[in-house]
């Protein structure tokens, strides 16, 4: 099962769309998902480890996969699942 971490910021205009995307995919696919505020200690550590300077940032299975809001298709590909029709 894939593991997704979304780094977000309270002031990020695109972050709600990224949250909505990942939460919607979680309904269709089985994967672990968590949201981490980039200003939290855990968020700062993740940002430093992955050299993240912008949000939203999606880390899939320990690797930075997306800065910004990914398309549904690219997110499903990163999860290693077969895309489902909407």
PDB file of N, CA and C in Angstrom:
ATOM      1  N   UNK A   1       0.845  -1.175   0.000  1.00  0.00           N
ATOM      2  CA  UNK A   1       0.000   0.000   0.000  1.00  0.00           C
ATOM      3  C   UNK A   1       0.895   1.243   0.000  1.00  0.00           C
ATOM      4  N   UNK A   2       0.534   2.187  -0.830  1.00  0.00           N
ATOM      5  CA  UNK A   2       1.302   3.436  -0.940  1.00  0.00           C
ATOM      6  C   UNK A   2       1.095   4.303   0.304  1.00  0.00           C
ATOM      7  N   UNK A   3       2.048   5.195   0.520  1.00  0.00           N
ATOM      8  CA  UNK A   3       2.009   6.116   1.647  1.00  0.00           C
ATOM      9  C   UNK A   3       2.183   7.533   1.086  1.00  0.00           C
ATOM     10  N   UNK A   4       1.181   8.391   1.289  1.00  0.00           N
ATOM     11  CA  UNK A   4       1.204   9.758   0.765  1.00  0.00           C
ATOM     12  C   UNK A   4       1.219  10.754   1.913  1.00  0.00           C
ATOM     13  N   UNK A   5       2.139  11.704   1.839  1.00  0.00           N
ATOM     14  CA  UNK A   5       2.179  12.820   2.775  1.00  0.00           C
ATOM     15  C   UNK A   5       2.036  14.097   1.975  1.00  0.00           C
ATOM     16  N   UNK A   6       1.078  14.918   2.349  1.00  0.00           N
ATOM     17  CA  UNK A   6       0.873  16.212   1.692  1.00  0.00           C
ATOM     18  C   UNK A   6       1.356  17.307   2.623  1.00  0.00           C
ATOM     19  N   UNK A   7       2.358  18.048   2.195  1.00  0.00           N
ATOM     20  CA  UNK A   7       2.798  19.231   2.929  1.00  0.00           C
ATOM     21  C   UNK A   7       1.975  20.409   2.439  1.00  0.00           C
ATOM     22  N   UNK A   8       1.385  21.129   3.377  1.00  0.00           N
ATOM     23  CA  UNK A   8       0.538  22.258   3.027  1.00  0.00           C
ATOM     24  C   UNK A   8       0.889  23.451   3.908  1.00  0.00           C
ATOM     25  N   UNK A   9       0.352  24.602   3.539  1.00  0.00           N
ATOM     26  CA  UNK A   9       0.501  25.825   4.319  1.00  0.00           C
ATOM     27  C   UNK A   9      -0.878  26.454   4.467  1.00  0.00           C
ATOM     28  N   UNK A  10      -1.127  27.068   5.602  1.00  0.00           N
ATOM     29  CA  UNK A  10      -2.415  27.726   5.839  1.00  0.00           C
ATOM     30  C   UNK A  10      -2.677  28.838   4.819  1.00  0.00           C
ATOM     31  N   UNK A  11      -1.608  29.478   4.318  1.00  0.00           N
ATOM     32  CA  UNK A  11      -1.773  30.600   3.387  1.00  0.00           C
ATOM     33  C   UNK A  11      -1.717  30.175   1.923  1.00  0.00           C
ATOM     34  N   UNK A  12      -1.666  28.884   1.664  1.00  0.00           N
ATOM     35  CA  UNK A  12      -1.533  28.363   0.305  1.00  0.00           C
ATOM     36  C   UNK A  12      -2.888  28.321  -0.401  1.00  0.00           C
ATOM     37  N   UNK A  13      -2.968  29.001  -1.528  1.00  0.00           N
ATOM     38  CA  UNK A  13      -4.219  29.025  -2.275  1.00  0.00           C
ATOM     39  C   UNK A  13      -4.537  27.731  -2.995  1.00  0.00           C
ATOM     40  N   UNK A  14      -3.521  26.960  -3.371  1.00  0.00           N
ATOM     41  CA  UNK A  14      -3.725  25.711  -4.109  1.00  0.00           C
ATOM     42  C   UNK A  14      -3.858  24.498  -3.191  1.00  0.00           C
ATOM     43  N   UNK A  15      -3.501  24.644  -1.929  1.00  0.00           N
ATOM     44  CA  UNK A  15      -3.500  23.491  -1.019  1.00  0.00           C
ATOM     45  C   UNK A  15      -4.874  22.837  -0.833  1.00  0.00           C
ATOM     46  N   UNK A  16      -5.966  23.599  -0.725  1.00  0.00           N
ATOM     47  CA  UNK A  16      -7.266  22.937  -0.598  1.00  0.00           C
ATOM     48  C   UNK A  16      -7.585  22.009  -1.786  1.00  0.00           C
ATOM     49  N   UNK A  17      -7.186  22.392  -2.984  1.00  0.00           N
ATOM     50  CA  UNK A  17      -7.429  21.541  -4.155  1.00  0.00           C
ATOM     51  C   UNK A  17      -6.604  20.256  -4.072  1.00  0.00           C
ATOM     52  N   UNK A  18      -5.369  20.363  -3.585  1.00  0.00           N
ATOM     53  CA  UNK A  18      -4.526  19.170  -3.434  1.00  0.00           C
ATOM     54  C   UNK A  18      -5.111  18.245  -2.369  1.00  0.00           C
ATOM     55  N   UNK A  19      -5.567  18.824  -1.263  1.00  0.00           N
ATOM     56  CA  UNK A  19      -6.196  18.020  -0.208  1.00  0.00           C
ATOM     57  C   UNK A  19      -7.419  17.293  -0.753  1.00  0.00           C
ATOM     58  N   UNK A  20      -8.241  18.012  -1.498  1.00  0.00           N
ATOM     59  CA  UNK A  20      -9.456  17.429  -2.077  1.00  0.00           C
ATOM     60  C   UNK A  20      -9.118  16.280  -3.027  1.00  0.00           C
ATOM     61  N   UNK A  21      -8.089  16.479  -3.853  1.00  0.00           N
ATOM     62  CA  UNK A  21      -7.676  15.433  -4.790  1.00  0.00           C
ATOM     63  C   UNK A  21      -7.272  14.160  -4.050  1.00  0.00           C
ATOM     64  N   UNK A  22      -6.348  14.286  -3.091  1.00  0.00           N
ATOM     65  CA  UNK A  22      -5.859  13.098  -2.377  1.00  0.00           C
ATOM     66  C   UNK A  22      -6.956  12.436  -1.561  1.00  0.00           C
ATOM     67  N   UNK A  23      -7.809  13.228  -0.926  1.00  0.00           N
ATOM     68  CA  UNK A  23      -8.907  12.640  -0.149  1.00  0.00           C
ATOM     69  C   UNK A  23      -9.896  11.922  -1.061  1.00  0.00           C
ATOM     70  N   UNK A  24     -10.142  12.485  -2.239  1.00  0.00           N
ATOM     71  CA  UNK A  24     -11.027  11.833  -3.200  1.00  0.00           C
ATOM     72  C   UNK A  24     -10.444  10.523  -3.713  1.00  0.00           C
ATOM     73  N   UNK A  25      -9.149  10.518  -3.972  1.00  0.00           N
ATOM     74  CA  UNK A  25      -8.505   9.285  -4.440  1.00  0.00           C
ATOM     75  C   UNK A  25      -8.508   8.220  -3.348  1.00  0.00           C
ATOM     76  N   UNK A  26      -8.429   8.647  -2.116  1.00  0.00           N
ATOM     77  CA  UNK A  26      -8.411   7.698  -1.002  1.00  0.00           C
ATOM     78  C   UNK A  26      -9.734   6.944  -0.898  1.00  0.00           C
ATOM     79  N   UNK A  27     -10.817   7.557  -1.360  1.00  0.00           N
ATOM     80  CA  UNK A  27     -12.112   6.884  -1.367  1.00  0.00           C
ATOM     81  C   UNK A  27     -12.099   5.733  -2.382  1.00  0.00           C
ATOM     82  N   UNK A  28     -11.390   5.920  -3.485  1.00  0.00           N
ATOM     83  CA  UNK A  28     -11.366   4.927  -4.563  1.00  0.00           C
ATOM     84  C   UNK A  28     -10.237   3.914  -4.436  1.00  0.00           C
ATOM     85  N   UNK A  29      -9.137   4.321  -3.814  1.00  0.00           N
ATOM     86  CA  UNK A  29      -7.942   3.481  -3.738  1.00  0.00           C
ATOM     87  C   UNK A  29      -7.480   3.360  -2.293  1.00  0.00           C
ATOM     88  N   UNK A  30      -6.829   2.255  -1.994  1.00  0.00           N
ATOM     89  CA  UNK A  30      -6.336   2.037  -0.631  1.00  0.00           C
ATOM     90  C   UNK A  30      -4.891   2.520  -0.519  1.00  0.00           C
ATOM     91  N   UNK A  31      -4.679   3.576   0.286  1.00  0.00           N
ATOM     92  CA  UNK A  31      -3.332   4.047   0.571  1.00  0.00           C
ATOM     93  C   UNK A  31      -3.361   4.866   1.856  1.00  0.00           C
ATOM     94  N   UNK A  32      -2.221   4.956   2.495  1.00  0.00           N
ATOM     95  CA  UNK A  32      -2.080   5.732   3.716  1.00  0.00           C
ATOM     96  C   UNK A  32      -1.915   7.205   3.337  1.00  0.00           C
ATOM     97  N   UNK A  33      -2.581   8.083   4.073  1.00  0.00           N
ATOM     98  CA  UNK A  33      -2.546   9.507   3.734  1.00  0.00           C
ATOM     99  C   UNK A  33      -2.471  10.341   5.005  1.00  0.00           C
ATOM    100  N   UNK A  34      -1.598  11.338   4.980  1.00  0.00           N
ATOM    101  CA  UNK A  34      -1.549  12.303   6.077  1.00  0.00           C
ATOM    102  C   UNK A  34      -1.215  13.673   5.530  1.00  0.00           C
ATOM    103  N   UNK A  35      -1.681  14.690   6.252  1.00  0.00           N
ATOM    104  CA  UNK A  35      -1.412  16.081   5.910  1.00  0.00           C
ATOM    105  C   UNK A  35      -0.513  16.665   6.989  1.00  0.00           C
ATOM    106  N   UNK A  36       0.530  17.388   6.566  1.00  0.00           N
ATOM    107  CA  UNK A  36       1.474  17.977   7.508  1.00  0.00           C
ATOM    108  C   UNK A  36       1.657  19.451   7.162  1.00  0.00           C
ATOM    109  N   UNK A  37       1.425  20.310   8.136  1.00  0.00           N
ATOM    110  CA  UNK A  37       1.653  21.747   7.957  1.00  0.00           C
ATOM    111  C   UNK A  37       3.159  21.966   7.835  1.00  0.00           C
ATOM    112  N   UNK A  38       3.575  22.649   6.788  1.00  0.00           N
ATOM    113  CA  UNK A  38       5.003  22.855   6.537  1.00  0.00           C
ATOM    114  C   UNK A  38       5.670  23.669   7.649  1.00  0.00           C
ATOM    115  N   UNK A  39       4.897  24.417   8.430  1.00  0.00           N
ATOM    116  CA  UNK A  39       5.464  25.206   9.521  1.00  0.00           C
ATOM    117  C   UNK A  39       5.620  24.411  10.819  1.00  0.00           C
ATOM    118  N   UNK A  40       5.075  23.201  10.864  1.00  0.00           N
ATOM    119  CA  UNK A  40       5.220  22.362  12.056  1.00  0.00           C
ATOM    120  C   UNK A  40       6.634  21.774  12.088  1.00  0.00           C
ATOM    121  N   UNK A  41       7.076  21.285  13.243  1.00  0.00           N
ATOM    122  CA  UNK A  41       8.407  20.660  13.291  1.00  0.00           C
ATOM    123  C   UNK A  41       8.564  19.504  12.305  1.00  0.00           C
ATOM    124  N   UNK A  42       7.541  18.648  12.208  1.00  0.00           N
ATOM    125  CA  UNK A  42       7.587  17.541  11.249  1.00  0.00           C
ATOM    126  C   UNK A  42       7.627  18.077   9.815  1.00  0.00           C
ATOM    127  N   UNK A  43       6.839  19.119   9.545  1.00  0.00           N
ATOM    128  CA  UNK A  43       6.819  19.728   8.220  1.00  0.00           C
ATOM    129  C   UNK A  43       8.151  20.349   7.851  1.00  0.00           C
ATOM    130  N   UNK A  44       8.777  21.025   8.811  1.00  0.00           N
ATOM    131  CA  UNK A  44      10.087  21.636   8.564  1.00  0.00           C
ATOM    132  C   UNK A  44      11.133  20.566   8.252  1.00  0.00           C
ATOM    133  N   UNK A  45      11.083  19.457   8.986  1.00  0.00           N
ATOM    134  CA  UNK A  45      12.031  18.368   8.754  1.00  0.00           C
ATOM    135  C   UNK A  45      11.834  17.756   7.369  1.00  0.00           C
ATOM    136  N   UNK A  46      10.583  17.528   6.990  1.00  0.00           N
ATOM    137  CA  UNK A  46      10.297  16.976   5.658  1.00  0.00           C
ATOM    138  C   UNK A  46      10.720  17.949   4.561  1.00  0.00           C
ATOM    139  N   UNK A  47      10.430  19.236   4.755  1.00  0.00           N
ATOM    140  CA  UNK A  47      10.800  20.250   3.755  1.00  0.00           C
ATOM    141  C   UNK A  47      12.312  20.296   3.573  1.00  0.00           C
ATOM    142  N   UNK A  48      13.036  20.219   4.667  1.00  0.00           N
ATOM    143  CA  UNK A  48      14.500  20.233   4.580  1.00  0.00           C
ATOM    144  C   UNK A  48      15.026  18.972   3.902  1.00  0.00           C
ATOM    145  N   UNK A  49      14.502  17.830   4.300  1.00  0.00           N
ATOM    146  CA  UNK A  49      14.966  16.554   3.735  1.00  0.00           C
ATOM    147  C   UNK A  49      14.747  16.472   2.228  1.00  0.00           C
ATOM    148  N   UNK A  50      13.613  17.014   1.753  1.00  0.00           N
ATOM    149  CA  UNK A  50      13.265  16.918   0.335  1.00  0.00           C
ATOM    150  C   UNK A  50      13.507  18.216  -0.435  1.00  0.00           C
ATOM    151  N   UNK A  51      14.125  19.208   0.206  1.00  0.00           N
ATOM    152  CA  UNK A  51      14.410  20.513  -0.410  1.00  0.00           C
ATOM    153  C   UNK A  51      13.135  21.153  -0.980  1.00  0.00           C
ATOM    154  N   UNK A  52      12.078  21.113  -0.193  1.00  0.00           N
ATOM    155  CA  UNK A  52      10.786  21.672  -0.610  1.00  0.00           C
ATOM    156  C   UNK A  52      10.733  23.138  -0.218  1.00  0.00           C
ATOM    157  N   UNK A  53      10.399  23.984  -1.188  1.00  0.00           N
ATOM    158  CA  UNK A  53      10.323  25.421  -0.947  1.00  0.00           C
ATOM    159  C   UNK A  53       8.941  25.992  -1.274  1.00  0.00           C
ATOM    160  N   UNK A  54       8.010  25.109  -1.683  1.00  0.00           N
ATOM    161  CA  UNK A  54       6.665  25.572  -2.044  1.00  0.00           C
ATOM    162  C   UNK A  54       5.638  24.508  -1.672  1.00  0.00           C
ATOM    163  N   UNK A  55       4.421  24.958  -1.443  1.00  0.00           N
ATOM    164  CA  UNK A  55       3.326  24.035  -1.159  1.00  0.00           C
ATOM    165  C   UNK A  55       2.214  24.247  -2.163  1.00  0.00           C
ATOM    166  N   UNK A  56       1.393  23.246  -2.391  1.00  0.00           N
ATOM    167  CA  UNK A  56       1.399  21.924  -1.802  1.00  0.00           C
ATOM    168  C   UNK A  56       2.520  21.057  -2.388  1.00  0.00           C
ATOM    169  N   UNK A  57       3.013  20.157  -1.565  1.00  0.00           N
ATOM    170  CA  UNK A  57       4.044  19.219  -1.996  1.00  0.00           C
ATOM    171  C   UNK A  57       3.594  17.823  -1.592  1.00  0.00           C
ATOM    172  N   UNK A  58       3.609  16.905  -2.535  1.00  0.00           N
ATOM    173  CA  UNK A  58       3.168  15.534  -2.283  1.00  0.00           C
ATOM    174  C   UNK A  58       4.360  14.594  -2.281  1.00  0.00           C
ATOM    175  N   UNK A  59       4.498  13.886  -1.180  1.00  0.00           N
ATOM    176  CA  UNK A  59       5.547  12.888  -1.030  1.00  0.00           C
ATOM    177  C   UNK A  59       4.862  11.528  -1.079  1.00  0.00           C
ATOM    178  N   UNK A  60       5.289  10.689  -2.022  1.00  0.00           N
ATOM    179  CA  UNK A  60       4.703   9.360  -2.175  1.00  0.00           C
ATOM    180  C   UNK A  60       5.795   8.329  -1.923  1.00  0.00           C
ATOM    181  N   UNK A  61       5.537   7.473  -0.959  1.00  0.00           N
ATOM    182  CA  UNK A  61       6.491   6.425  -0.583  1.00  0.00           C
ATOM    183  C   UNK A  61       7.894   6.978  -0.343  1.00  0.00           C
ATOM    184  N   UNK A  62       7.950   8.109   0.372  1.00  0.00           N
ATOM    185  CA  UNK A  62       9.225   8.687   0.772  1.00  0.00           C
ATOM    186  C   UNK A  62       9.941   9.506  -0.279  1.00  0.00           C
ATOM    187  N   UNK A  63       9.321   9.684  -1.456  1.00  0.00           N
ATOM    188  CA  UNK A  63       9.948  10.464  -2.526  1.00  0.00           C
ATOM    189  C   UNK A  63       9.048  11.628  -2.909  1.00  0.00           C
ATOM    190  N   UNK A  64       9.652  12.805  -3.071  1.00  0.00           N
ATOM    191  CA  UNK A  64       8.893  13.969  -3.518  1.00  0.00           C
ATOM    192  C   UNK A  64       8.430  13.720  -4.946  1.00  0.00           C
ATOM    193  N   UNK A  65       7.113  13.715  -5.144  1.00  0.00           N
ATOM    194  CA  UNK A  65       6.554  13.439  -6.472  1.00  0.00           C
ATOM    195  C   UNK A  65       5.963  14.675  -7.139  1.00  0.00           C
ATOM    196  N   UNK A  66       5.363  15.562  -6.346  1.00  0.00           N
ATOM    197  CA  UNK A  66       4.674  16.708  -6.943  1.00  0.00           C
ATOM    198  C   UNK A  66       4.846  17.968  -6.097  1.00  0.00           C
ATOM    199  N   UNK A  67       5.090  19.073  -6.773  1.00  0.00           N
ATOM    200  CA  UNK A  67       4.953  20.407  -6.192  1.00  0.00           C
ATOM    201  C   UNK A  67       3.780  21.013  -6.956  1.00  0.00           C
ATOM    202  N   UNK A  68       2.787  21.479  -6.237  1.00  0.00           N
ATOM    203  CA  UNK A  68       1.566  21.938  -6.888  1.00  0.00           C
ATOM    204  C   UNK A  68       0.515  20.840  -6.826  1.00  0.00           C
ATOM    205  N   UNK A  69      -0.572  21.065  -7.512  1.00  0.00           N
ATOM    206  CA  UNK A  69      -1.672  20.104  -7.514  1.00  0.00           C
ATOM    207  C   UNK A  69      -1.513  19.175  -8.710  1.00  0.00           C
ATOM    208  N   UNK A  70      -1.304  17.879  -8.456  1.00  0.00           N
ATOM    209  CA  UNK A  70      -1.161  16.960  -9.582  1.00  0.00           C
ATOM    210  C   UNK A  70      -2.510  16.693 -10.242  1.00  0.00           C
ATOM    211  N   UNK A  71      -2.459  16.214 -11.472  1.00  0.00           N
ATOM    212  CA  UNK A  71      -3.698  15.747 -12.107  1.00  0.00           C
ATOM    213  C   UNK A  71      -4.086  14.430 -11.452  1.00  0.00           C
ATOM    214  N   UNK A  72      -5.340  14.091 -11.566  1.00  0.00           N
ATOM    215  CA  UNK A  72      -5.802  12.821 -10.998  1.00  0.00           C
ATOM    216  C   UNK A  72      -5.025  11.659 -11.612  1.00  0.00           C
ATOM    217  N   UNK A  73      -4.821  11.717 -12.934  1.00  0.00           N
ATOM    218  CA  UNK A  73      -4.132  10.635 -13.619  1.00  0.00           C
ATOM    219  C   UNK A  73      -2.688  10.493 -13.143  1.00  0.00           C
ATOM    220  N   UNK A  74      -1.976  11.604 -12.983  1.00  0.00           N
ATOM    221  CA  UNK A  74      -0.583  11.518 -12.542  1.00  0.00           C
ATOM    222  C   UNK A  74      -0.504  11.066 -11.088  1.00  0.00           C
ATOM    223  N   UNK A  75      -1.461  11.462 -10.272  1.00  0.00           N
ATOM    224  CA  UNK A  75      -1.487  11.015  -8.874  1.00  0.00           C
ATOM    225  C   UNK A  75      -1.734   9.513  -8.804  1.00  0.00           C
ATOM    226  N   UNK A  76      -2.673   9.021  -9.600  1.00  0.00           N
ATOM    227  CA  UNK A  76      -2.936   7.576  -9.613  1.00  0.00           C
ATOM    228  C   UNK A  76      -1.718   6.806 -10.110  1.00  0.00           C
ATOM    229  N   UNK A  77      -1.028   7.344 -11.099  1.00  0.00           N
ATOM    230  CA  UNK A  77       0.187   6.699 -11.592  1.00  0.00           C
ATOM    231  C   UNK A  77       1.248   6.643 -10.492  1.00  0.00           C
ATOM    232  N   UNK A  78       1.396   7.729  -9.733  1.00  0.00           N
ATOM    233  CA  UNK A  78       2.372   7.765  -8.641  1.00  0.00           C
ATOM    234  C   UNK A  78       2.013   6.753  -7.551  1.00  0.00           C
ATOM    235  N   UNK A  79       0.717   6.504  -7.381  1.00  0.00           N
ATOM    236  CA  UNK A  79       0.268   5.516  -6.405  1.00  0.00           C
ATOM    237  C   UNK A  79       0.485   4.089  -6.903  1.00  0.00           C
ATOM    238  N   UNK A  80       0.704   3.960  -8.199  1.00  0.00           N
ATOM    239  CA  UNK A  80       0.874   2.635  -8.776  1.00  0.00           C
ATOM    240  C   UNK A  80      -0.439   1.895  -8.943  1.00  0.00           C
ATOM    241  N   UNK A  81      -1.514   2.667  -9.118  1.00  0.00           N
ATOM    242  CA  UNK A  81      -2.831   2.048  -9.297  1.00  0.00           C
ATOM    243  C   UNK A  81      -3.342   2.311 -10.702  1.00  0.00           C
ATOM    244  N   UNK A  82      -4.249   1.493 -11.112  1.00  0.00           N
ATOM    245  CA  UNK A  82      -4.862   1.674 -12.420  1.00  0.00           C
ATOM    246  C   UNK A  82      -5.889   2.797 -12.338  1.00  0.00           C
ATOM    247  N   UNK A  83      -5.798   3.795 -13.218  1.00  0.00           N
ATOM    248  CA  UNK A  83      -6.759   4.891 -13.172  1.00  0.00           C
ATOM    249  C   UNK A  83      -8.193   4.405 -13.336  1.00  0.00           C
ATOM    250  N   UNK A  84      -9.082   5.011 -12.561  1.00  0.00           N
ATOM    251  CA  UNK A  84     -10.499   4.715 -12.658  1.00  0.00           C
ATOM    252  C   UNK A  84     -11.202   5.868 -13.334  1.00  0.00           C
ATOM    253  N   UNK A  85     -12.234   5.557 -14.070  1.00  0.00           N
ATOM    254  CA  UNK A  85     -13.018   6.633 -14.680  1.00  0.00           C
ATOM    255  C   UNK A  85     -13.791   7.366 -13.587  1.00  0.00           C
ATOM    256  N   UNK A  86     -13.989   8.658 -13.770  1.00  0.00           N
ATOM    257  CA  UNK A  86     -14.718   9.460 -12.771  1.00  0.00           C
ATOM    258  C   UNK A  86     -16.165   9.075 -12.748  1.00  0.00           C
TER     259      UNK A  86
END
